[in-house]
Amino acid sequence: MLLHGGPGVAGYLEPLARGVGDSFRVLEPFQRRSGGEPLTVATHVADLDELLERQCGDEQPVLVGHSWGAMLALAYGAKHPRRARSIVLIGCGTFDRSARSRMREILDERTSEPLRRRLQSLAQEYPDPDQRLRAYGSLVTPLYSYDGAAEVAIEACDARGHNETWSDMLRLQDAGVYPAAFAAINKPVLMLHGGHDPHPGRLVLASLQPYLARLQYREWGPCGHYPWLEPSVRDDFFEDLRHWLALAPVAVERRRH
């Protein structure tokens, strides 16, 4: 089960899904868009549980989350510790202020003045928030990549959903819910991280280790936030991921949820 990041940015995991879809059954759900009540972490967890019940039955899937999706996988595992067989965290997001502060410092160091001015002009250039979020993502992708050439094909953006979901995640962290709640997870967790990812992998690891007894960590130095797109580590990344996924039926399904 591939869980996309953002939050509110869907569709870009297709290359990852295709990379393992010849050997495994892969579900790539598009998370709920905003509308009506504000989106919360609990809403996404409930949606994922409903989807797993409908699509997997009694099978225990592996949850493979990227960025915010990795955080969602952990939130789901804390709420439903017996449901998933294991969890894979790719480029996992941050769970404390020190890690977020370090991430902002890294991005600031990598942002040139022309890019800074370009980003500041997005509000005028793109009045539509969803289009603005898509444009922002395209502009900053090189800051998240080791070779600077990774192209992330975003299929759908939901700026309101992004803000609502992330605000709720920060609220839960400030309240001490996360990452403490992850102590309920008794399944193996694998953290795959790029050394050039602005998300500071070692700091994120340190925040999770006290609560995840079965956590393993693998880092590649010449690798950014999207290891399946990095030429120098792509093969190693898929080898590690395939080894973890083990045997499963073959299929790829992409669903809007």
Foldseek 3Di string as FASTA:
>chain_A
DEFEDLVFWDDLCVLVCVLCQQFAEAEGENFDFDDDDFDELVNRLVVVVVVCCVPPPQDAAEYEYAAVGLVSVLVNCLVVQVRHQEYEYALYAALDDVLVVQLVVLLVVVQDPVLVVVLVCLCVVDVDQFVSVVVVCQSCVLQQWLVSPFDGDTDGGHRSNSVRHVVNSVVCSVVVNPPQSSLSHPHAYEYEYELSESRNVVNRCVRCCVRHVRYDYDYDDSGGRDLCRHVVCNVVVSVVVDVVRDGHDHDYHYYYD
